[in-house]
Every structure is written in C-alpha cells, then in structure tokens.
Amino acid sequence: MKSRKRQRGLTLVELVVALTVGLFVVAGYALIVVNTRSSIRDEGQFRDWQDAERMAFSTISDIVGIAGYYPLTTIGSLAAAFPSGTNNLLAGTFGAAEFVAGVDGAGAASDSVALRFFQDPVNASSVVATTDCNGNPIAAAAAAAVTNMFTVNASGQLTCTSTFAANPQPLVLVSGVQTMKVLYGIDVNGTGSVSRYMNATQVAAAGSWGLVRSLQLTLTFVNPMAGNAGQPATLSMTRVIGIQGSA
C-alpha cells in the first residue's frame, strides 16, 4: 500500500513576501490611475483657459478692428459720424471725431476701454457688423454710433457693455481674468503709423484720443494649474490690435 505525500502549504515568510509584492503592485497601479486622472484634469483646465483666452481676444479684436468705421459716402466725415458728447459708459466725454476712450485702473486694477463705430443707415451692403459685443442685432437703419466698453469686474470677469441696448448692462464674456491693461498706439506725426504707445492718462493729457491707431492689450488670467509644482499663479497674454478707422 502506497503512502500519500503530505501537502505542503506556504510558510509564513513566503506569505508575507507574496502580500508585500502584491501591495507594491496595487500601489503602483493606484499611482498610475491617480496621475492619469490628474493629467486629464490639467489638460481639461488648460483647454478651458485656451478657450477663454481665444474668446476674449476674438471678441475684443472684432470691436477694436472696426472702431472708427463710418460710411464715407453717406456720412462724409469722422466729426459727423462721431460728434462730441457724454460717454455714458466711462467717465468723461468723447471729443468730436473721437472713437476711442479709456480709463486707467488705479495700481494693479484693470483698465477700461470704450470704442465707437457707425453703421450705414442707407446701404445695408456696407454694414460693418451685424451684432454688437453683446450679440445684439444691429439694424442697418440705425443711424447712430454704437459704443462698446470692455472692462474686468470685481469678480474677475471680462465684461462688455453696449450702448445699442435699450438698457445697457455688462455681459460676461469670460471668467478667471485678473486684470486687463491697455496701451494706445498714437500716430503723433500724422503718417498713419504708430509712433509711440501711451496709457489712457497720458493720451488724455496730450489730447491725443483722435490719434489712436491701435491698442496693445494685455490680459492676465488666473492660472488654473497654479497648484501644480512649477506653475505660476497667473498667465498673461498680449496682443496688438490695429484700428480700421474710416472707410
């Protein structure tokens, strides 16, 4: 009669080693999962920031680009298109033939800028814009200058207000904006080219609002990835946007 061999199980040492190896494998897998989720979150936040940056500059560029536009054949002159009057979106007034006005923010506070353009009251084919910065439809028959003002409110939101609306109210364009700073390109020599950049206070002191030909705009955003190692607290983008002027 054959004797059966006794089955031998794991020793305590072998069991401890197996458990330790298993724990390392699980911990490594968990770390990969956490890092992957973190990367996906960071990529999403970065895309959101890129979308906000593009939206902000695109909207502002559209309005800055047509500032000073008026239909030469039907209106005749800048002074006729843009008479002097109270600027009800910013403190002060627009001078005759002026289509840009601005106010410097105190210290690190955001600047504000207002821009005017005119729609052709007769010829719909020469309408330069179909909506204002708030998306309000602009009728070609509305024979008046339209003013749009951009600023950043206390909640870190870039806003635009349009006088075309019956009751002008700020519309939030994007959030997460810390500051907006604006410099104005001045054609000092009347050559059609910018010869220097000045802030709003300097432009007003020189009486040069009628000589503004471009804007240098800097938007500083809160960095959505600021909590990560090596990431700055803010991200700044600067664009120079030319003004079309009369047409």
Protein backbone atom coordinates (compact mmCIF):
# COMPACT_ATOMS: atom_id res chain seq x y z
CA MET A 1 0.00 0.00 0.00
CA LYS A 2 1.49 3.33 -1.16
CA SER A 3 1.76 6.13 1.34
CA ARG A 4 0.41 9.55 0.30
CA LYS A 5 2.75 12.53 0.48
CA ARG A 6 1.67 15.29 2.79
CA GLN A 7 0.71 18.56 1.00
CA ARG A 8 2.93 21.43 1.98
CA GLY A 9 1.44 24.96 2.25
CA LEU A 10 3.13 28.38 2.23
CA THR A 11 5.33 29.27 5.09
CA LEU A 12 4.69 32.48 6.98
CA VAL A 13 7.70 34.13 5.35
CA GLU A 14 6.51 33.21 1.85
CA LEU A 15 3.05 34.55 2.62
CA VAL A 16 4.44 37.86 3.88
CA VAL A 17 6.63 38.21 0.80
CA ALA A 18 3.68 37.49 -1.53
CA LEU A 19 1.48 40.02 0.25
CA THR A 20 4.23 42.66 0.13
CA VAL A 21 4.75 42.18 -3.60
CA GLY A 22 1.01 42.35 -4.15
CA LEU A 23 0.75 45.58 -2.19
CA PHE A 24 3.53 47.14 -4.26
CA VAL A 25 1.74 46.15 -7.46
CA VAL A 26 -1.58 47.58 -6.25
CA ALA A 27 0.11 50.79 -5.04
CA GLY A 28 1.85 51.21 -8.40
CA TYR A 29 -1.41 50.72 -10.26
CA ALA A 30 -3.19 53.20 -7.98
CA LEU A 31 -0.44 55.77 -8.56
CA ILE A 32 -0.78 55.37 -12.33
CA VAL A 33 -4.55 55.87 -12.08
CA VAL A 34 -4.15 58.99 -9.90
CA ASN A 35 -1.52 60.51 -12.21
CA THR A 36 -3.63 59.77 -15.28
CA ARG A 37 -6.67 61.42 -13.75
CA SER A 38 -4.56 64.41 -12.71
CA SER A 39 -3.16 64.77 -16.24
CA ILE A 40 -6.65 64.58 -17.75
CA ARG A 41 -7.88 67.22 -15.30
CA ASP A 42 -4.93 69.51 -16.04
CA GLU A 43 -5.40 69.12 -19.80
CA GLY A 44 -9.08 69.97 -19.42
CA GLN A 45 -8.32 73.06 -17.36
CA PHE A 46 -5.67 74.17 -19.85
CA ARG A 47 -8.10 73.74 -22.75
CA ASP A 48 -10.71 75.77 -20.85
CA TRP A 49 -8.14 78.52 -20.33
CA GLN A 50 -7.20 78.48 -24.02
CA ASP A 51 -10.87 78.72 -24.98
CA ALA A 52 -11.37 81.67 -22.61
CA GLU A 53 -8.25 83.42 -23.95
CA ARG A 54 -9.36 82.95 -27.56
CA MET A 55 -12.91 84.09 -26.80
CA ALA A 56 -11.68 87.22 -25.02
CA PHE A 57 -9.23 88.35 -27.68
CA SER A 58 -11.54 87.40 -30.55
CA THR A 59 -14.44 89.48 -29.21
CA ILE A 60 -12.27 92.48 -28.36
CA SER A 61 -10.41 92.27 -31.68
CA ASP A 62 -13.67 92.29 -33.64
CA ILE A 63 -14.75 95.55 -31.99
CA VAL A 64 -11.32 97.23 -31.94
CA GLY A 65 -10.85 96.37 -35.59
CA ILE A 66 -13.95 98.29 -36.65
CA ALA A 67 -13.60 101.19 -34.20
CA GLY A 68 -13.80 104.44 -36.11
CA TYR A 69 -15.60 102.89 -39.05
CA TYR A 70 -18.14 105.08 -40.78
CA PRO A 71 -19.61 105.04 -44.32
CA LEU A 72 -17.72 107.81 -46.08
CA THR A 73 -20.18 108.06 -48.97
CA THR A 74 -23.22 108.67 -46.77
CA ILE A 75 -21.83 110.29 -43.61
CA GLY A 76 -18.92 112.26 -45.02
CA SER A 77 -16.58 112.81 -42.10
CA LEU A 78 -15.43 111.49 -38.73
CA ALA A 79 -16.87 114.52 -36.97
CA ALA A 80 -20.30 113.86 -38.49
CA ALA A 81 -20.19 110.19 -37.61
CA PHE A 82 -18.80 110.70 -34.12
CA PRO A 83 -19.94 114.02 -32.64
CA SER A 84 -18.76 115.13 -29.22
CA GLY A 85 -20.91 114.06 -26.33
CA THR A 86 -21.08 112.37 -22.99
CA ASN A 87 -19.55 108.93 -22.83
CA ASN A 88 -22.17 107.23 -20.68
CA LEU A 89 -20.06 104.10 -20.23
CA LEU A 90 -16.89 105.81 -18.99
CA ALA A 91 -16.32 108.95 -17.01
CA GLY A 92 -15.89 111.97 -19.27
CA THR A 93 -16.85 112.68 -22.85
CA PHE A 94 -15.93 111.75 -26.40
CA GLY A 95 -14.50 114.65 -28.35
CA ALA A 96 -15.64 115.32 -31.90
CA ALA A 97 -14.23 112.74 -34.35
CA GLU A 98 -13.01 110.58 -31.45
CA PHE A 99 -13.92 106.91 -31.40
CA VAL A 100 -11.67 105.59 -28.62
CA ALA A 101 -11.65 106.48 -24.93
CA GLY A 102 -10.13 104.80 -21.93
CA VAL A 103 -9.55 104.96 -18.20
CA ASP A 104 -6.52 103.58 -16.39
CA GLY A 105 -7.16 101.35 -13.40
CA ALA A 106 -5.58 102.51 -10.16
CA GLY A 107 -2.46 100.48 -9.36
CA ALA A 108 -3.00 96.84 -10.31
CA ALA A 109 -6.69 97.38 -11.07
CA SER A 110 -7.93 96.76 -14.59
CA ASP A 111 -8.17 99.41 -17.26
CA SER A 112 -11.37 100.12 -19.21
CA VAL A 113 -11.71 100.99 -22.89
CA ALA A 114 -14.67 102.20 -24.94
CA LEU A 115 -14.86 102.17 -28.75
CA ARG A 116 -17.34 103.61 -31.27
CA PHE A 117 -18.26 102.57 -34.78
CA PHE A 118 -21.05 103.65 -37.12
CA GLN A 119 -23.46 101.62 -39.20
CA ASP A 120 -24.55 102.72 -42.67
CA PRO A 121 -28.14 103.96 -42.37
CA VAL A 122 -28.74 103.66 -46.12
CA ASN A 123 -26.66 100.97 -47.75
CA ALA A 124 -27.04 97.61 -45.98
CA SER A 125 -24.25 96.10 -48.09
CA SER A 126 -21.68 98.26 -46.32
CA VAL A 127 -22.72 97.29 -42.81
CA VAL A 128 -19.50 96.55 -40.95
CA ALA A 129 -21.03 94.50 -38.13
CA THR A 130 -24.32 92.70 -37.68
CA THR A 131 -24.09 92.49 -33.87
CA ASP A 132 -22.51 94.42 -31.04
CA CYS A 133 -20.20 92.82 -28.45
CA ASN A 134 -23.26 91.57 -26.55
CA GLY A 135 -24.59 89.78 -29.61
CA ASN A 136 -27.44 92.27 -30.07
CA PRO A 137 -28.51 92.54 -33.73
CA ILE A 138 -27.68 95.96 -35.18
CA ALA A 139 -30.12 97.19 -37.81
CA ALA A 140 -28.56 98.94 -40.78
CA ALA A 141 -31.20 101.64 -40.47
CA ALA A 142 -29.98 102.64 -37.00
CA ALA A 143 -28.19 105.86 -37.95
CA ALA A 144 -26.10 106.28 -34.83
CA ALA A 145 -22.70 105.44 -33.44
CA VAL A 146 -22.56 102.29 -31.33
CA THR A 147 -20.28 102.28 -28.27
CA ASN A 148 -18.87 99.11 -26.73
CA MET A 149 -16.92 99.17 -23.46
CA PHE A 150 -14.66 96.42 -22.10
CA THR A 151 -13.56 96.09 -18.50
CA VAL A 152 -12.91 93.49 -15.78
CA ASN A 153 -15.26 93.48 -12.79
CA ALA A 154 -14.51 92.71 -9.14
CA SER A 155 -15.38 89.04 -9.71
CA GLY A 156 -12.60 88.57 -12.26
CA GLN A 157 -14.94 88.57 -15.25
CA LEU A 158 -14.19 90.30 -18.54
CA THR A 159 -17.37 92.15 -19.49
CA CYS A 160 -18.66 94.19 -22.39
CA THR A 161 -21.39 96.81 -22.31
CA SER A 162 -23.04 98.17 -25.46
CA THR A 163 -24.99 101.40 -25.86
CA PHE A 164 -27.03 99.80 -28.62
CA ALA A 165 -29.08 98.02 -25.97
CA ALA A 166 -32.06 99.93 -24.62
CA ASN A 167 -30.77 99.44 -21.09
CA PRO A 168 -27.01 98.84 -21.32
CA GLN A 169 -25.88 96.09 -18.97
CA PRO A 170 -22.48 94.39 -18.70
CA LEU A 171 -22.35 90.99 -20.38
CA VAL A 172 -19.81 88.50 -19.03
CA LEU A 173 -17.53 87.28 -21.82
CA VAL A 174 -15.10 85.09 -19.86
CA SER A 175 -14.21 84.43 -16.22
CA GLY A 176 -10.90 83.93 -14.47
CA VAL A 177 -9.40 87.24 -15.61
CA GLN A 178 -7.27 89.04 -13.04
CA THR A 179 -6.53 92.25 -14.94
CA MET A 180 -6.74 93.95 -18.32
CA LYS A 181 -4.16 96.57 -19.21
CA VAL A 182 -4.39 98.74 -22.32
CA LEU A 183 -1.82 100.90 -24.10
CA TYR A 184 -2.82 103.10 -27.03
CA GLY A 185 -0.77 103.37 -30.21
CA ILE A 186 -0.60 107.04 -31.18
CA ASP A 187 0.10 108.43 -34.65
CA VAL A 188 1.90 111.52 -33.36
CA ASN A 189 3.29 112.57 -36.75
CA GLY A 190 0.12 112.04 -38.78
CA THR A 191 1.79 109.47 -41.03
CA GLY A 192 -0.77 106.74 -40.45
CA SER A 193 1.73 104.71 -38.44
CA VAL A 194 2.01 104.34 -34.67
CA SER A 195 5.00 106.22 -33.28
CA ARG A 196 4.54 105.56 -29.56
CA TYR A 197 2.34 103.79 -27.04
CA MET A 198 0.75 105.62 -24.12
CA ASN A 199 -1.64 104.74 -21.32
CA ALA A 200 -5.06 106.39 -21.07
CA THR A 201 -3.88 109.06 -18.63
CA GLN A 202 -1.06 110.09 -20.95
CA VAL A 203 -3.32 110.11 -24.02
CA ALA A 204 -5.88 112.30 -22.25
CA ALA A 205 -3.20 114.70 -21.01
CA ALA A 206 -1.84 115.07 -24.55
CA GLY A 207 -5.33 115.44 -26.05
CA SER A 208 -4.49 112.61 -28.45
CA TRP A 209 -7.58 110.39 -28.42
CA GLY A 210 -8.18 111.29 -32.05
CA LEU A 211 -4.74 109.95 -32.94
CA VAL A 212 -5.18 106.41 -31.60
CA ARG A 213 -4.46 103.84 -34.32
CA SER A 214 -4.01 100.61 -32.36
CA LEU A 215 -4.39 99.02 -28.94
CA GLN A 216 -1.82 96.91 -27.08
CA LEU A 217 -3.96 94.74 -24.88
CA THR A 218 -2.65 92.54 -22.06
CA LEU A 219 -4.99 90.11 -20.32
CA THR A 220 -3.76 88.38 -17.16
CA PHE A 221 -5.64 85.19 -16.32
CA VAL A 222 -5.67 83.16 -13.14
CA ASN A 223 -3.65 80.02 -13.93
CA PRO A 224 -6.00 77.03 -13.49
CA MET A 225 -2.95 74.83 -12.85
CA ALA A 226 -1.35 77.14 -10.28
CA GLY A 227 -1.46 74.43 -7.62
CA ASN A 228 0.96 72.23 -9.58
CA ALA A 229 4.70 72.35 -8.99
CA GLY A 230 6.48 74.92 -11.13
CA GLN A 231 3.28 76.62 -12.31
CA PRO A 232 2.94 80.43 -11.93
CA ALA A 233 -0.10 81.96 -10.26
CA THR A 234 -1.14 83.81 -13.43
CA LEU A 235 -0.81 83.63 -17.21
CA SER A 236 -0.54 86.82 -19.28
CA MET A 237 -1.19 87.25 -23.00
CA THR A 238 -0.55 90.40 -25.03
CA ARG A 239 -1.96 91.32 -28.44
CA VAL A 240 -1.58 94.41 -30.61
CA ILE A 241 -4.81 95.12 -32.47
CA GLY A 242 -5.00 97.65 -35.27
CA ILE A 243 -7.93 100.04 -35.71
CA GLN A 244 -9.56 100.18 -39.12
CA GLY A 245 -10.68 103.79 -38.93
CA SER A 246 -12.78 105.46 -41.60
CA ALA A 247 -13.85 103.60 -44.71
